[in-house]
Amino acid sequence: QVQLVESGGGLVQPGGSLRLSCAASGFTLPVYAVGWFRQAPGKEREGVSFIKNTDHSPYYSDSVRGRFTVSLDDAKATAYLHMNNLKPEDTAVYYCAVDTPSIIMKMFLPGGSDYDHWGQGTQVTVSS
């Protein structure tokens, strides 16, 4: 059973930085991707970034490209999302997901795939 634990959220002023962590366990995929998603109040969940374990190639949504950096520590099965120059519109609960790269990429598409292993998420609030 896949278990995901997100942490590192908090309250930060505009322009500030945070580093989120996603600790994954219970999966045995030799090739996988870790995706970061967020959901703001009253809005649908949106894909933010993902990284593949094979070559650590990252993907970023237009809204965060240039400000966020995703990384992966394979040995610890932990992914990180380094968020810089945070904006009020980044306020959301942030979640991670682990699955095959094709499944994770489908989750970024409009009406993307369902996911059965969401963690509790971590709240990020950007406000002065």
C-alpha atoms as a PDB file:
ATOM      1  CA  GLN A   1       0.000   0.000   0.000  1.00  0.00           C
ATOM      2  CA  VAL A   2       1.485   3.307  -1.124  1.00  0.00           C
ATOM      3  CA  GLN A   3       1.799   5.858   1.646  1.00  0.00           C
ATOM      4  CA  LEU A   4       2.708   9.484   1.074  1.00  0.00           C
ATOM      5  CA  VAL A   5       3.549  12.045   3.729  1.00  0.00           C
ATOM      6  CA  GLU A   6       3.887  15.674   2.733  1.00  0.00           C
ATOM      7  CA  SER A   7       5.481  18.236   5.015  1.00  0.00           C
ATOM      8  CA  GLY A   8       7.153  21.629   5.026  1.00  0.00           C
ATOM      9  CA  GLY A   9       4.228  23.927   4.422  1.00  0.00           C
ATOM     10  CA  GLY A  10       3.548  27.073   6.390  1.00  0.00           C
ATOM     11  CA  LEU A  11       2.802  30.769   6.316  1.00  0.00           C
ATOM     12  CA  VAL A  12       5.220  32.880   4.305  1.00  0.00           C
ATOM     13  CA  GLN A  13       5.246  36.445   3.015  1.00  0.00           C
ATOM     14  CA  PRO A  14       5.124  37.179  -0.706  1.00  0.00           C
ATOM     15  CA  GLY A  15       8.568  36.742  -2.179  1.00  0.00           C
ATOM     16  CA  GLY A  16       9.506  34.180   0.443  1.00  0.00           C
ATOM     17  CA  SER A  17      10.578  30.569   0.085  1.00  0.00           C
ATOM     18  CA  LEU A  18       9.568  27.155   1.365  1.00  0.00           C
ATOM     19  CA  ARG A  19      10.759  23.602   0.798  1.00  0.00           C
ATOM     20  CA  LEU A  20       8.154  20.878   0.748  1.00  0.00           C
ATOM     21  CA  SER A  21       9.002  17.201   1.281  1.00  0.00           C
ATOM     22  CA  CYS A  22       7.195  14.094   0.088  1.00  0.00           C
ATOM     23  CA  ALA A  23       8.192  10.861   1.806  1.00  0.00           C
ATOM     24  CA  ALA A  24       6.948   7.812  -0.083  1.00  0.00           C
ATOM     25  CA  SER A  25       6.759   4.197   1.026  1.00  0.00           C
ATOM     26  CA  GLY A  26       5.052   0.963   0.087  1.00  0.00           C
ATOM     27  CA  PHE A  27       5.650   1.096  -3.665  1.00  0.00           C
ATOM     28  CA  THR A  28       7.836  -1.195  -5.753  1.00  0.00           C
ATOM     29  CA  LEU A  29       7.882   0.490  -9.145  1.00  0.00           C
ATOM     30  CA  PRO A  30      11.342   0.302 -10.715  1.00  0.00           C
ATOM     31  CA  VAL A  31      10.461   3.250 -12.942  1.00  0.00           C
ATOM     32  CA  TYR A  32       8.342   5.936 -11.413  1.00  0.00           C
ATOM     33  CA  ALA A  33       7.626   9.626 -11.240  1.00  0.00           C
ATOM     34  CA  VAL A  34       6.717  11.853  -8.329  1.00  0.00           C
ATOM     35  CA  GLY A  35       4.191  14.541  -9.066  1.00  0.00           C
ATOM     36  CA  TRP A  36       3.371  17.624  -7.051  1.00  0.00           C
ATOM     37  CA  PHE A  37      -0.183  18.962  -7.137  1.00  0.00           C
ATOM     38  CA  ARG A  38      -2.022  21.720  -5.329  1.00  0.00           C
ATOM     39  CA  GLN A  39      -5.606  22.612  -4.586  1.00  0.00           C
ATOM     40  CA  ALA A  40      -6.732  26.074  -3.607  1.00  0.00           C
ATOM     41  CA  PRO A  41     -10.113  26.661  -1.914  1.00  0.00           C
ATOM     42  CA  GLY A  42     -12.924  26.426  -4.417  1.00  0.00           C
ATOM     43  CA  LYS A  43     -10.620  25.305  -7.218  1.00  0.00           C
ATOM     44  CA  GLU A  44      -9.787  21.989  -8.803  1.00  0.00           C
ATOM     45  CA  ARG A  45      -6.543  20.211  -8.064  1.00  0.00           C
ATOM     46  CA  GLU A  46      -3.820  21.255 -10.521  1.00  0.00           C
ATOM     47  CA  GLY A  47      -0.490  19.746 -11.437  1.00  0.00           C
ATOM     48  CA  VAL A  48       2.548  21.792 -10.443  1.00  0.00           C
ATOM     49  CA  SER A  49       5.618  19.705 -11.190  1.00  0.00           C
ATOM     50  CA  PHE A  50       6.867  16.155 -11.571  1.00  0.00           C
ATOM     51  CA  ILE A  51      10.192  14.366 -11.718  1.00  0.00           C
ATOM     52  CA  LYS A  52      11.136  10.958 -13.075  1.00  0.00           C
ATOM     53  CA  ASN A  53      13.451   8.658 -11.138  1.00  0.00           C
ATOM     54  CA  THR A  54      15.217   7.419 -14.297  1.00  0.00           C
ATOM     55  CA  ASP A  55      16.936  10.629 -15.284  1.00  0.00           C
ATOM     56  CA  HIS A  56      15.558  13.155 -12.774  1.00  0.00           C
ATOM     57  CA  SER A  57      14.112  15.107 -15.683  1.00  0.00           C
ATOM     58  CA  PRO A  58      11.685  17.700 -14.311  1.00  0.00           C
ATOM     59  CA  TYR A  59       8.479  19.206 -15.604  1.00  0.00           C
ATOM     60  CA  TYR A  60       6.918  22.439 -14.409  1.00  0.00           C
ATOM     61  CA  SER A  61       3.586  24.055 -15.061  1.00  0.00           C
ATOM     62  CA  ASP A  62       3.693  27.519 -16.582  1.00  0.00           C
ATOM     63  CA  SER A  63       2.510  29.059 -13.329  1.00  0.00           C
ATOM     64  CA  VAL A  64       5.586  27.934 -11.366  1.00  0.00           C
ATOM     65  CA  ARG A  65       8.327  27.527 -13.968  1.00  0.00           C
ATOM     66  CA  GLY A  66      11.368  29.584 -13.005  1.00  0.00           C
ATOM     67  CA  ARG A  67      10.295  29.827  -9.351  1.00  0.00           C
ATOM     68  CA  PHE A  68       9.928  26.205  -8.220  1.00  0.00           C
ATOM     69  CA  THR A  69      12.515  23.426  -8.402  1.00  0.00           C
ATOM     70  CA  VAL A  70      11.724  19.733  -7.947  1.00  0.00           C
ATOM     71  CA  SER A  71      14.293  17.205  -6.783  1.00  0.00           C
ATOM     72  CA  LEU A  72      14.391  13.551  -5.801  1.00  0.00           C
ATOM     73  CA  ASP A  73      16.497  11.597  -3.307  1.00  0.00           C
ATOM     74  CA  ASP A  74      16.136   8.042  -4.594  1.00  0.00           C
ATOM     75  CA  ALA A  75      17.825   6.472  -1.575  1.00  0.00           C
ATOM     76  CA  LYS A  76      15.367   8.112   0.779  1.00  0.00           C
ATOM     77  CA  ALA A  77      12.390   7.780  -1.582  1.00  0.00           C
ATOM     78  CA  THR A  78      11.761  11.436  -0.846  1.00  0.00           C
ATOM     79  CA  ALA A  79      10.968  14.221  -3.260  1.00  0.00           C
ATOM     80  CA  TYR A  80      11.295  17.902  -2.597  1.00  0.00           C
ATOM     81  CA  LEU A  81       9.670  20.987  -4.008  1.00  0.00           C
ATOM     82  CA  HIS A  82      11.754  24.109  -3.516  1.00  0.00           C
ATOM     83  CA  MET A  83       9.491  27.118  -3.877  1.00  0.00           C
ATOM     84  CA  ASN A  84      10.985  30.569  -4.327  1.00  0.00           C
ATOM     85  CA  ASN A  85       9.464  33.988  -4.955  1.00  0.00           C
ATOM     86  CA  LEU A  86       6.144  32.781  -3.611  1.00  0.00           C
ATOM     87  CA  LYS A  87       3.006  34.649  -4.582  1.00  0.00           C
ATOM     88  CA  PRO A  88      -0.421  34.853  -2.916  1.00  0.00           C
ATOM     89  CA  GLU A  89      -1.827  32.770  -5.775  1.00  0.00           C
ATOM     90  CA  ASP A  90       0.452  29.907  -4.688  1.00  0.00           C
ATOM     91  CA  THR A  91      -1.677  29.522  -1.564  1.00  0.00           C
ATOM     92  CA  ALA A  92      -3.083  25.987  -1.575  1.00  0.00           C
ATOM     93  CA  VAL A  93      -2.815  22.551  -0.039  1.00  0.00           C
ATOM     94  CA  TYR A  94       0.060  20.775  -1.752  1.00  0.00           C
ATOM     95  CA  TYR A  95      -0.005  17.036  -2.398  1.00  0.00           C
ATOM     96  CA  CYS A  96       2.364  14.547  -3.968  1.00  0.00           C
ATOM     97  CA  ALA A  97       1.685  11.379  -5.931  1.00  0.00           C
ATOM     98  CA  VAL A  98       3.904   8.452  -6.933  1.00  0.00           C
ATOM     99  CA  ASP A  99       3.169   6.210  -9.893  1.00  0.00           C
ATOM    100  CA  THR A 100       4.447   5.288 -13.337  1.00  0.00           C
ATOM    101  CA  PRO A 101       5.508   8.304 -15.412  1.00  0.00           C
ATOM    102  CA  SER A 102       2.603   7.797 -17.820  1.00  0.00           C
ATOM    103  CA  ILE A 103       0.043   7.860 -15.000  1.00  0.00           C
ATOM    104  CA  ILE A 104       1.590  10.931 -13.397  1.00  0.00           C
ATOM    105  CA  MET A 105       1.681  12.754 -16.741  1.00  0.00           C
ATOM    106  CA  LYS A 106      -1.991  11.891 -17.371  1.00  0.00           C
ATOM    107  CA  MET A 107      -2.833  13.450 -14.010  1.00  0.00           C
ATOM    108  CA  PHE A 108      -1.591  16.765 -15.400  1.00  0.00           C
ATOM    109  CA  LEU A 109      -4.092  16.710 -18.237  1.00  0.00           C
ATOM    110  CA  PRO A 110      -7.551  18.331 -17.921  1.00  0.00           C
ATOM    111  CA  GLY A 111      -9.815  15.740 -16.340  1.00  0.00           C
ATOM    112  CA  GLY A 112      -6.717  13.666 -15.644  1.00  0.00           C
ATOM    113  CA  SER A 113      -6.503  10.247 -14.060  1.00  0.00           C
ATOM    114  CA  ASP A 114      -7.850   9.546 -10.605  1.00  0.00           C
ATOM    115  CA  TYR A 115      -5.375   8.668  -7.876  1.00  0.00           C
ATOM    116  CA  ASP A 116      -6.050   6.405  -4.925  1.00  0.00           C
ATOM    117  CA  HIS A 117      -3.143   7.214  -2.620  1.00  0.00           C
ATOM    118  CA  TRP A 118      -3.332  10.909  -1.775  1.00  0.00           C
ATOM    119  CA  GLY A 119      -1.690  11.887   1.488  1.00  0.00           C
ATOM    120  CA  GLN A 120      -2.956  14.517   3.889  1.00  0.00           C
ATOM    121  CA  GLY A 121      -1.213  17.316   2.019  1.00  0.00           C
ATOM    122  CA  THR A 122       0.594  20.305   3.462  1.00  0.00           C
ATOM    123  CA  GLN A 123      -0.856  23.818   3.613  1.00  0.00           C
ATOM    124  CA  VAL A 124       1.051  26.673   2.013  1.00  0.00           C
ATOM    125  CA  THR A 125      -0.220  30.167   2.731  1.00  0.00           C
ATOM    126  CA  VAL A 126       1.391  33.183   1.108  1.00  0.00           C
ATOM    127  CA  SER A 127       0.228  36.376   2.728  1.00  0.00           C
ATOM    128  CA  SER A 128       1.574  39.595   4.137  1.00  0.00           C
END
